[in-house]
C-alpha atoms as a PDB file:
ATOM      1  CA  MET A   1       0.350  85.321 -56.444  1.00  0.00           C
ATOM      2  CA  LYS A   2       3.637  84.119 -55.016  1.00  0.00           C
ATOM      3  CA  GLN A   3       2.394  84.837 -51.566  1.00  0.00           C
ATOM      4  CA  SER A   4      -0.788  83.042 -52.223  1.00  0.00           C
ATOM      5  CA  ASN A   5       1.166  80.204 -53.704  1.00  0.00           C
ATOM      6  CA  GLY A   6       3.524  80.265 -50.759  1.00  0.00           C
ATOM      7  CA  TYR A   7       0.583  80.197 -48.388  1.00  0.00           C
ATOM      8  CA  VAL A   8      -0.915  77.309 -50.182  1.00  0.00           C
ATOM      9  CA  GLN A   9       2.389  75.478 -50.095  1.00  0.00           C
ATOM     10  CA  GLU A  10       2.682  76.065 -46.329  1.00  0.00           C
ATOM     11  CA  GLN A  11      -0.799  74.688 -45.799  1.00  0.00           C
ATOM     12  CA  ASN A  12       0.069  71.607 -47.802  1.00  0.00           C
ATOM     13  CA  MET A  13       3.233  71.072 -45.797  1.00  0.00           C
ATOM     14  CA  GLU A  14       1.335  71.372 -42.522  1.00  0.00           C
ATOM     15  CA  SER A  15      -1.266  68.831 -43.644  1.00  0.00           C
ATOM     16  CA  GLU A  16       1.493  66.422 -44.708  1.00  0.00           C
ATOM     17  CA  GLN A  17       3.161  66.774 -41.306  1.00  0.00           C
ATOM     18  CA  GLN A  18      -0.135  66.084 -39.538  1.00  0.00           C
ATOM     19  CA  GLN A  19      -0.636  62.940 -41.637  1.00  0.00           C
ATOM     20  CA  GLU A  20       2.870  61.731 -40.786  1.00  0.00           C
ATOM     21  CA  VAL A  21       2.239  62.325 -37.065  1.00  0.00           C
ATOM     22  CA  PHE A  22      -1.081  60.476 -37.308  1.00  0.00           C
ATOM     23  CA  GLN A  23       0.563  57.537 -39.092  1.00  0.00           C
ATOM     24  CA  ASP A  24       3.324  57.403 -36.472  1.00  0.00           C
ATOM     25  CA  SER A  25       0.747  57.330 -33.663  1.00  0.00           C
ATOM     26  CA  GLU A  26      -1.141  54.503 -35.413  1.00  0.00           C
ATOM     27  CA  GLN A  27       2.067  52.500 -35.791  1.00  0.00           C
ATOM     28  CA  GLN A  28       2.915  52.985 -32.115  1.00  0.00           C
ATOM     29  CA  GLN A  29      -0.592  51.941 -31.130  1.00  0.00           C
ATOM     30  CA  GLN A  30      -0.332  48.804 -33.293  1.00  0.00           C
ATOM     31  CA  ILE A  31       3.045  47.961 -31.743  1.00  0.00           C
ATOM     32  CA  GLY A  32       1.562  48.433 -28.264  1.00  0.00           C
ATOM     33  CA  ASN A  33      -1.408  46.218 -29.088  1.00  0.00           C
ATOM     34  CA  SER A  34       0.855  43.473 -30.451  1.00  0.00           C
ATOM     35  CA  THR A  35       2.995  43.665 -27.307  1.00  0.00           C
ATOM     36  CA  VAL A  36      -0.087  43.342 -25.109  1.00  0.00           C
ATOM     37  CA  GLU A  37      -1.308  40.378 -27.186  1.00  0.00           C
ATOM     38  CA  GLU A  38       2.079  38.651 -26.903  1.00  0.00           C
ATOM     39  CA  ALA A  39       2.122  39.247 -23.158  1.00  0.00           C
ATOM     40  CA  SER A  40      -1.404  37.896 -22.791  1.00  0.00           C
ATOM     41  CA  ILE A  41      -0.521  34.863 -24.912  1.00  0.00           C
ATOM     42  CA  GLY A  42       2.579  34.229 -22.798  1.00  0.00           C
ATOM     43  CA  THR A  43       0.588  34.587 -19.586  1.00  0.00           C
ATOM     44  CA  SER A  44      -2.167  32.279 -20.812  1.00  0.00           C
ATOM     45  CA  GLY A  45       0.475  29.764 -21.893  1.00  0.00           C
ATOM     46  CA  GLU A  46       2.042  29.815 -18.459  1.00  0.00           C
ATOM     47  CA  ILE A  47      -1.379  29.426 -16.835  1.00  0.00           C
ATOM     48  CA  PHE A  48      -2.196  26.490 -19.134  1.00  0.00           C
ATOM     49  CA  GLN A  49       1.146  24.863 -18.329  1.00  0.00           C
ATOM     50  CA  GLU A  50       0.533  25.298 -14.585  1.00  0.00           C
ATOM     51  CA  CYS A  51      -2.965  23.867 -14.936  1.00  0.00           C
ATOM     52  CA  SER A  52      -1.672  20.897 -16.910  1.00  0.00           C
ATOM     53  CA  LEU A  53       0.951  20.255 -14.244  1.00  0.00           C
ATOM     54  CA  ALA A  54      -1.697  20.506 -11.548  1.00  0.00           C
ATOM     55  CA  ILE A  55      -4.030  18.131 -13.357  1.00  0.00           C
ATOM     56  CA  LYS A  56      -1.266  15.611 -14.104  1.00  0.00           C
ATOM     57  CA  PRO A  57      -1.521  12.766 -11.557  1.00  0.00           C
ATOM     58  CA  LYS A  58       1.395  12.321  -9.218  1.00  0.00           C
ATOM     59  CA  GLY A  59       2.923   8.960  -8.324  1.00  0.00           C
ATOM     60  CA  PRO A  60       2.977   5.648 -10.189  1.00  0.00           C
ATOM     61  CA  PRO A  61      -0.154   4.374 -11.983  1.00  0.00           C
ATOM     62  CA  LEU A  62      -2.623   2.154 -10.187  1.00  0.00           C
ATOM     63  CA  PHE A  63      -1.722  -0.972 -12.146  1.00  0.00           C
ATOM     64  CA  LYS A  64       1.920  -0.667 -11.060  1.00  0.00           C
ATOM     65  CA  LEU A  65       0.918  -0.258  -7.429  1.00  0.00           C
ATOM     66  CA  SER A  66      -1.464  -3.185  -7.750  1.00  0.00           C
ATOM     67  CA  ALA A  67       1.289  -5.422  -9.158  1.00  0.00           C
ATOM     68  CA  LEU A  68       3.691  -4.329  -6.416  1.00  0.00           C
ATOM     69  CA  TYR A  69       1.274  -5.025  -3.561  1.00  0.00           C
ATOM     70  CA  LYS A  70       0.197  -8.327  -5.111  1.00  0.00           C
ATOM     71  CA  SER A  71       3.780  -9.596  -5.206  1.00  0.00           C
ATOM     72  CA  ARG A  72       4.383  -8.522  -1.616  1.00  0.00           C
ATOM     73  CA  LEU A  73       1.161 -10.101  -0.404  1.00  0.00           C
ATOM     74  CA  LYS A  74       2.076 -13.347  -2.160  1.00  0.00           C
ATOM     75  CA  SER A  75       5.399 -13.325  -0.295  1.00  0.00           C
ATOM     76  CA  CYS A  76       3.555 -12.909   3.008  1.00  0.00           C
ATOM     77  CA  ILE A  77       1.189 -15.761   2.154  1.00  0.00           C
ATOM     78  CA  PHE A  78       4.199 -17.932   1.295  1.00  0.00           C
ATOM     79  CA  LEU A  79       5.639 -17.221   4.764  1.00  0.00           C
ATOM     80  CA  HIS A  80       2.220 -18.067   6.200  1.00  0.00           C
ATOM     81  CA  PHE A  81       2.432 -21.485   4.550  1.00  0.00           C
ATOM     82  CA  LEU A  82       5.893 -22.067   6.040  1.00  0.00           C
ATOM     83  CA  LEU A  83       4.573 -21.235   9.507  1.00  0.00           C
ATOM     84  CA  PHE A  84       1.602 -23.523   8.880  1.00  0.00           C
ATOM     85  CA  PHE A  85       3.872 -26.484   8.125  1.00  0.00           C
ATOM     86  CA  ALA A  86       5.899 -25.755  11.256  1.00  0.00           C
ATOM     87  CA  MET A  87       2.702 -25.776  13.332  1.00  0.00           C
ATOM     88  CA  LEU A  88       1.501 -28.902  11.549  1.00  0.00           C
ATOM     89  CA  ALA A  89       4.719 -30.674  12.521  1.00  0.00           C
ATOM     90  CA  LYS A  90       4.079 -29.719  16.137  1.00  0.00           C
ATOM     91  CA  LEU A  91       0.492 -31.021  15.945  1.00  0.00           C
ATOM     92  CA  SER A  92       1.404 -34.192  14.062  1.00  0.00           C
ATOM     93  CA  GLU A  93       1.708 -36.386  17.164  1.00  0.00           C
ATOM     94  CA  ASP A  94      -1.692 -35.372  18.504  1.00  0.00           C
ATOM     95  CA  ILE A  95      -3.311 -35.791  15.088  1.00  0.00           C
ATOM     96  CA  LEU A  96      -1.844 -39.280  14.680  1.00  0.00           C
ATOM     97  CA  ASP A  97      -2.942 -40.244  18.191  1.00  0.00           C
ATOM     98  CA  ARG A  98      -6.512 -39.243  17.353  1.00  0.00           C
ATOM     99  CA  MET A  99      -6.258 -41.477  14.283  1.00  0.00           C
ATOM    100  CA  ASP A 100      -4.868 -44.352  16.414  1.00  0.00           C
ATOM    101  CA  ILE A 101      -1.571 -44.263  14.561  1.00  0.00           C
ATOM    102  CA  PHE A 102       1.462 -44.900  16.745  1.00  0.00           C
ATOM    103  CA  ILE A 103       4.959 -43.777  15.694  1.00  0.00           C
ATOM    104  CA  LEU A 104       7.687 -44.507  18.222  1.00  0.00           C
ATOM    105  CA  GLU A 105      10.032 -41.745  17.054  1.00  0.00           C
ATOM    106  CA  LEU A 106       7.368 -39.094  17.591  1.00  0.00           C
ATOM    107  CA  GLU A 107       6.414 -40.475  20.992  1.00  0.00           C
ATOM    108  CA  GLU A 108      10.024 -40.302  22.137  1.00  0.00           C
ATOM    109  CA  LEU A 109      10.185 -36.573  21.365  1.00  0.00           C
ATOM    110  CA  PHE A 110       7.642 -35.839  24.139  1.00  0.00           C
ATOM    111  CA  ILE A 111       6.103 -32.986  22.180  1.00  0.00           C
ATOM    112  CA  PRO A 112       3.903 -30.796  24.417  1.00  0.00           C
ATOM    113  CA  LYS A 113       0.171 -31.325  24.078  1.00  0.00           C
ATOM    114  CA  PRO A 114      -1.462 -28.780  21.774  1.00  0.00           C
ATOM    115  CA  MET A 115      -3.674 -25.950  22.961  1.00  0.00           C
ATOM    116  CA  PRO A 116      -7.057 -25.161  21.357  1.00  0.00           C
ATOM    117  CA  PHE A 117      -5.765 -21.895  19.878  1.00  0.00           C
ATOM    118  CA  GLU A 118      -3.095 -23.851  17.984  1.00  0.00           C
ATOM    119  CA  TYR A 119      -5.792 -25.643  16.005  1.00  0.00           C
ATOM    120  CA  LEU A 120      -7.651 -22.380  15.530  1.00  0.00           C
ATOM    121  CA  TRP A 121      -4.583 -20.706  14.080  1.00  0.00           C
ATOM    122  CA  THR A 122      -3.954 -23.695  11.800  1.00  0.00           C
ATOM    123  CA  GLY A 123      -7.400 -23.109  10.293  1.00  0.00           C
ATOM    124  CA  SER A 124      -6.237 -19.710   9.026  1.00  0.00           C
ATOM    125  CA  ILE A 125      -4.474 -21.490   6.160  1.00  0.00           C
ATOM    126  CA  ILE A 126      -7.890 -21.840   4.492  1.00  0.00           C
ATOM    127  CA  PHE A 127      -8.074 -18.073   4.115  1.00  0.00           C
ATOM    128  CA  ALA A 128      -4.510 -18.007   2.793  1.00  0.00           C
ATOM    129  CA  VAL A 129      -5.695 -20.235  -0.057  1.00  0.00           C
ATOM    130  CA  ILE A 130      -8.692 -17.936  -0.610  1.00  0.00           C
ATOM    131  CA  GLY A 131      -6.335 -14.964  -0.705  1.00  0.00           C
ATOM    132  CA  LEU A 132      -4.133 -16.595  -3.337  1.00  0.00           C
ATOM    133  CA  ARG A 133      -7.156 -17.360  -5.506  1.00  0.00           C
ATOM    134  CA  GLY A 134      -8.352 -13.788  -5.112  1.00  0.00           C
ATOM    135  CA  LEU A 135      -4.959 -12.448  -6.195  1.00  0.00           C
ATOM    136  CA  SER A 136      -4.820 -14.674  -9.263  1.00  0.00           C
ATOM    137  CA  ARG A 137      -8.312 -13.581 -10.373  1.00  0.00           C
ATOM    138  CA  ASN A 138      -8.279  -9.990  -9.059  1.00  0.00           C
ATOM    139  CA  ARG A 139     -11.407 -10.764  -7.051  1.00  0.00           C
ATOM    140  CA  LEU A 140     -12.226  -8.103  -4.464  1.00  0.00           C
ATOM    141  CA  SER A 141     -14.633 -10.251  -2.418  1.00  0.00           C
ATOM    142  CA  SER A 142     -12.020 -13.005  -1.984  1.00  0.00           C
ATOM    143  CA  LEU A 143      -9.460 -10.502  -0.748  1.00  0.00           C
ATOM    144  CA  GLN A 144     -11.959  -9.086   1.745  1.00  0.00           C
ATOM    145  CA  SER A 145     -12.717 -12.605   3.007  1.00  0.00           C
ATOM    146  CA  TYR A 146      -8.986 -13.237   3.316  1.00  0.00           C
ATOM    147  CA  ALA A 147      -8.480 -10.116   5.437  1.00  0.00           C
ATOM    148  CA  ALA A 148     -11.418 -10.993   7.707  1.00  0.00           C
ATOM    149  CA  GLY A 149     -10.190 -14.576   8.109  1.00  0.00           C
ATOM    150  CA  ILE A 150      -6.650 -13.495   8.982  1.00  0.00           C
ATOM    151  CA  VAL A 151      -7.986 -11.256  11.736  1.00  0.00           C
ATOM    152  CA  THR A 152     -10.345 -13.937  13.090  1.00  0.00           C
ATOM    153  CA  LEU A 153      -8.272 -17.124  12.843  1.00  0.00           C
ATOM    154  CA  GLY A 154      -4.815 -15.633  12.457  1.00  0.00           C
ATOM    155  CA  ILE A 155      -4.317 -12.713  14.817  1.00  0.00           C
ATOM    156  CA  CYS A 156      -6.911 -13.433  17.523  1.00  0.00           C
ATOM    157  CA  PRO A 157      -5.555 -16.924  18.428  1.00  0.00           C
ATOM    158  CA  LEU A 158      -2.032 -15.497  18.567  1.00  0.00           C
ATOM    159  CA  ILE A 159      -3.136 -12.776  20.962  1.00  0.00           C
ATOM    160  CA  GLY A 160      -4.835 -15.441  23.082  1.00  0.00           C
ATOM    161  CA  ALA A 161      -1.596 -17.466  23.141  1.00  0.00           C
ATOM    162  CA  ALA A 162       0.390 -14.387  24.161  1.00  0.00           C
ATOM    163  CA  VAL A 163      -1.964 -13.794  27.109  1.00  0.00           C
ATOM    164  CA  TRP A 164      -1.954 -17.496  28.066  1.00  0.00           C
ATOM    165  CA  PHE A 165       1.827 -17.881  28.146  1.00  0.00           C
ATOM    166  CA  TYR A 166       2.626 -14.462  29.629  1.00  0.00           C
ATOM    167  CA  PRO A 167       2.735 -15.732  33.278  1.00  0.00           C
ATOM    168  CA  ASP A 168       5.261 -18.418  32.273  1.00  0.00           C
ATOM    169  CA  VAL A 169       7.436 -15.895  30.466  1.00  0.00           C
ATOM    170  CA  SER A 170       7.271 -13.521  33.426  1.00  0.00           C
ATOM    171  CA  GLU A 171       8.181 -16.276  35.893  1.00  0.00           C
ATOM    172  CA  TYR A 172      11.070 -17.458  33.728  1.00  0.00           C
ATOM    173  CA  ALA A 173      12.375 -13.893  33.466  1.00  0.00           C
ATOM    174  CA  GLU A 174      12.456 -13.650  37.281  1.00  0.00           C
ATOM    175  CA  LYS A 175      13.632 -17.138  38.302  1.00  0.00           C
ATOM    176  CA  LYS A 176      15.387 -18.427  35.173  1.00  0.00           C
ATOM    177  CA  GLN A 177      16.117 -22.174  35.573  1.00  0.00           C
ATOM    178  CA  ASP A 178      14.311 -22.357  38.937  1.00  0.00           C
ATOM    179  CA  ALA A 179      10.972 -21.470  37.349  1.00  0.00           C
ATOM    180  CA  GLN A 180       8.353 -24.214  37.677  1.00  0.00           C
ATOM    181  CA  ILE A 181       7.008 -24.049  34.142  1.00  0.00           C
ATOM    182  CA  GLU A 182       6.563 -26.460  31.240  1.00  0.00           C
ATOM    183  CA  LYS A 183       9.744 -27.010  29.240  1.00  0.00           C
ATOM    184  CA  TRP A 184      10.716 -28.875  26.096  1.00  0.00           C
ATOM    185  CA  GLN A 185      14.328 -29.777  25.330  1.00  0.00           C
ATOM    186  CA  GLY A 186      15.347 -27.657  28.337  1.00  0.00           C
ATOM    187  CA  ILE A 187      13.682 -24.485  27.012  1.00  0.00           C
ATOM    188  CA  PRO A 188      10.337 -23.135  28.283  1.00  0.00           C
ATOM    189  CA  VAL A 189       7.444 -23.830  25.941  1.00  0.00           C
ATOM    190  CA  ALA A 190       6.355 -20.222  26.429  1.00  0.00           C
ATOM    191  CA  LEU A 191       9.573 -18.984  24.796  1.00  0.00           C
ATOM    192  CA  TYR A 192       8.963 -21.195  21.775  1.00  0.00           C
ATOM    193  CA  TRP A 193       5.507 -19.744  21.502  1.00  0.00           C
ATOM    194  CA  TYR A 194       6.669 -16.149  21.877  1.00  0.00           C
ATOM    195  CA  GLY A 195       9.248 -16.691  19.145  1.00  0.00           C
ATOM    196  CA  PHE A 196       6.502 -18.052  16.909  1.00  0.00           C
ATOM    197  CA  LEU A 197       4.243 -15.136  17.842  1.00  0.00           C
ATOM    198  CA  TYR A 198       6.922 -12.586  16.977  1.00  0.00           C
ATOM    199  CA  ILE A 199       7.234 -13.931  13.436  1.00  0.00           C
ATOM    200  CA  ALA A 200       3.587 -14.819  12.781  1.00  0.00           C
ATOM    201  CA  LEU A 201       2.184 -11.491  13.970  1.00  0.00           C
ATOM    202  CA  GLN A 202       4.514  -9.579  11.666  1.00  0.00           C
ATOM    203  CA  VAL A 203       3.530 -11.772   8.720  1.00  0.00           C
ATOM    204  CA  HIS A 204      -0.173 -11.259   9.440  1.00  0.00           C
ATOM    205  CA  MET A 205       0.123  -7.506   9.980  1.00  0.00           C
ATOM    206  CA  TYR A 206       2.012  -6.996   6.724  1.00  0.00           C
ATOM    207  CA  SER A 207      -0.482  -9.258   4.962  1.00  0.00           C
ATOM    208  CA  LEU A 208      -3.371  -7.133   6.203  1.00  0.00           C
ATOM    209  CA  TYR A 209      -1.583  -3.937   5.184  1.00  0.00           C
ATOM    210  CA  PHE A 210      -0.950  -5.095   1.616  1.00  0.00           C
ATOM    211  CA  ALA A 211      -4.457  -6.574   1.348  1.00  0.00           C
ATOM    212  CA  TRP A 212      -5.966  -3.281   2.513  1.00  0.00           C
ATOM    213  CA  LYS A 213      -3.931  -1.362  -0.082  1.00  0.00           C
ATOM    214  CA  LEU A 214      -5.092  -3.713  -2.828  1.00  0.00           C
ATOM    215  CA  ILE A 215      -8.717  -3.425  -1.725  1.00  0.00           C
ATOM    216  CA  LYS A 216      -8.511   0.373  -1.993  1.00  0.00           C
ATOM    217  CA  ILE A 217      -6.914   0.214  -5.452  1.00  0.00           C
ATOM    218  CA  TRP A 218      -9.399  -2.333  -6.783  1.00  0.00           C
ATOM    219  CA  ARG A 219     -12.325  -0.271  -5.482  1.00  0.00           C
ATOM    220  CA  VAL A 220     -11.041   2.742  -7.423  1.00  0.00           C
ATOM    221  CA  LYS A 221     -10.781   0.605 -10.565  1.00  0.00           C
ATOM    222  CA  LEU A 222     -14.353  -0.640 -10.124  1.00  0.00           C
ATOM    223  CA  LYS A 223     -15.624   2.940  -9.767  1.00  0.00           C
ATOM    224  CA  ARG A 224     -13.873   3.938 -12.990  1.00  0.00           C
ATOM    225  CA  VAL A 225     -15.440   1.036 -14.827  1.00  0.00           C
END
């Protein structure tokens, strides 16, 4: 009976050991599963963070860029107005003569007679006004008209003047004071014009650049609406 009891006790001990081993294996499996879940959660979190960074737009918002380019374009248009008044002062004698108004002080200055492209360029101020109205109302069509007008009446007459006065500039560069060219106050008229061209072309080119940037931004806004 003791042996049988001892045998029975040994069987019970073996079954208890097997249960403990089984429980240990289950615990290890649960720990492994939790580790895998944590790793997958960490990986998915990193992927989500990378995706959010990729989706996040880079650079300043469109309204900030629009405000920046609007202020810069307004500065260019202001310079355009200053150049317009300078040209208007040069054309004043001819304009007054056409109106039969005689002013002795102007006549004594012997201002050179204007060229046709000077009047053409003066007409570009109309598009400067259109551009200002377009900026104040955020009107895309006005800004497009402004850009087209600056190219037509702003840049093209200046290029024509550069071609027209180039022979005089070339002759003055070779012969200096012996050059037989038109002068005003002892300085060749061509040099006055080239100085004006240097400033006006830069103003117009920057104006077109800022206007083009604004047109692109406003088109994007219209598509979103």
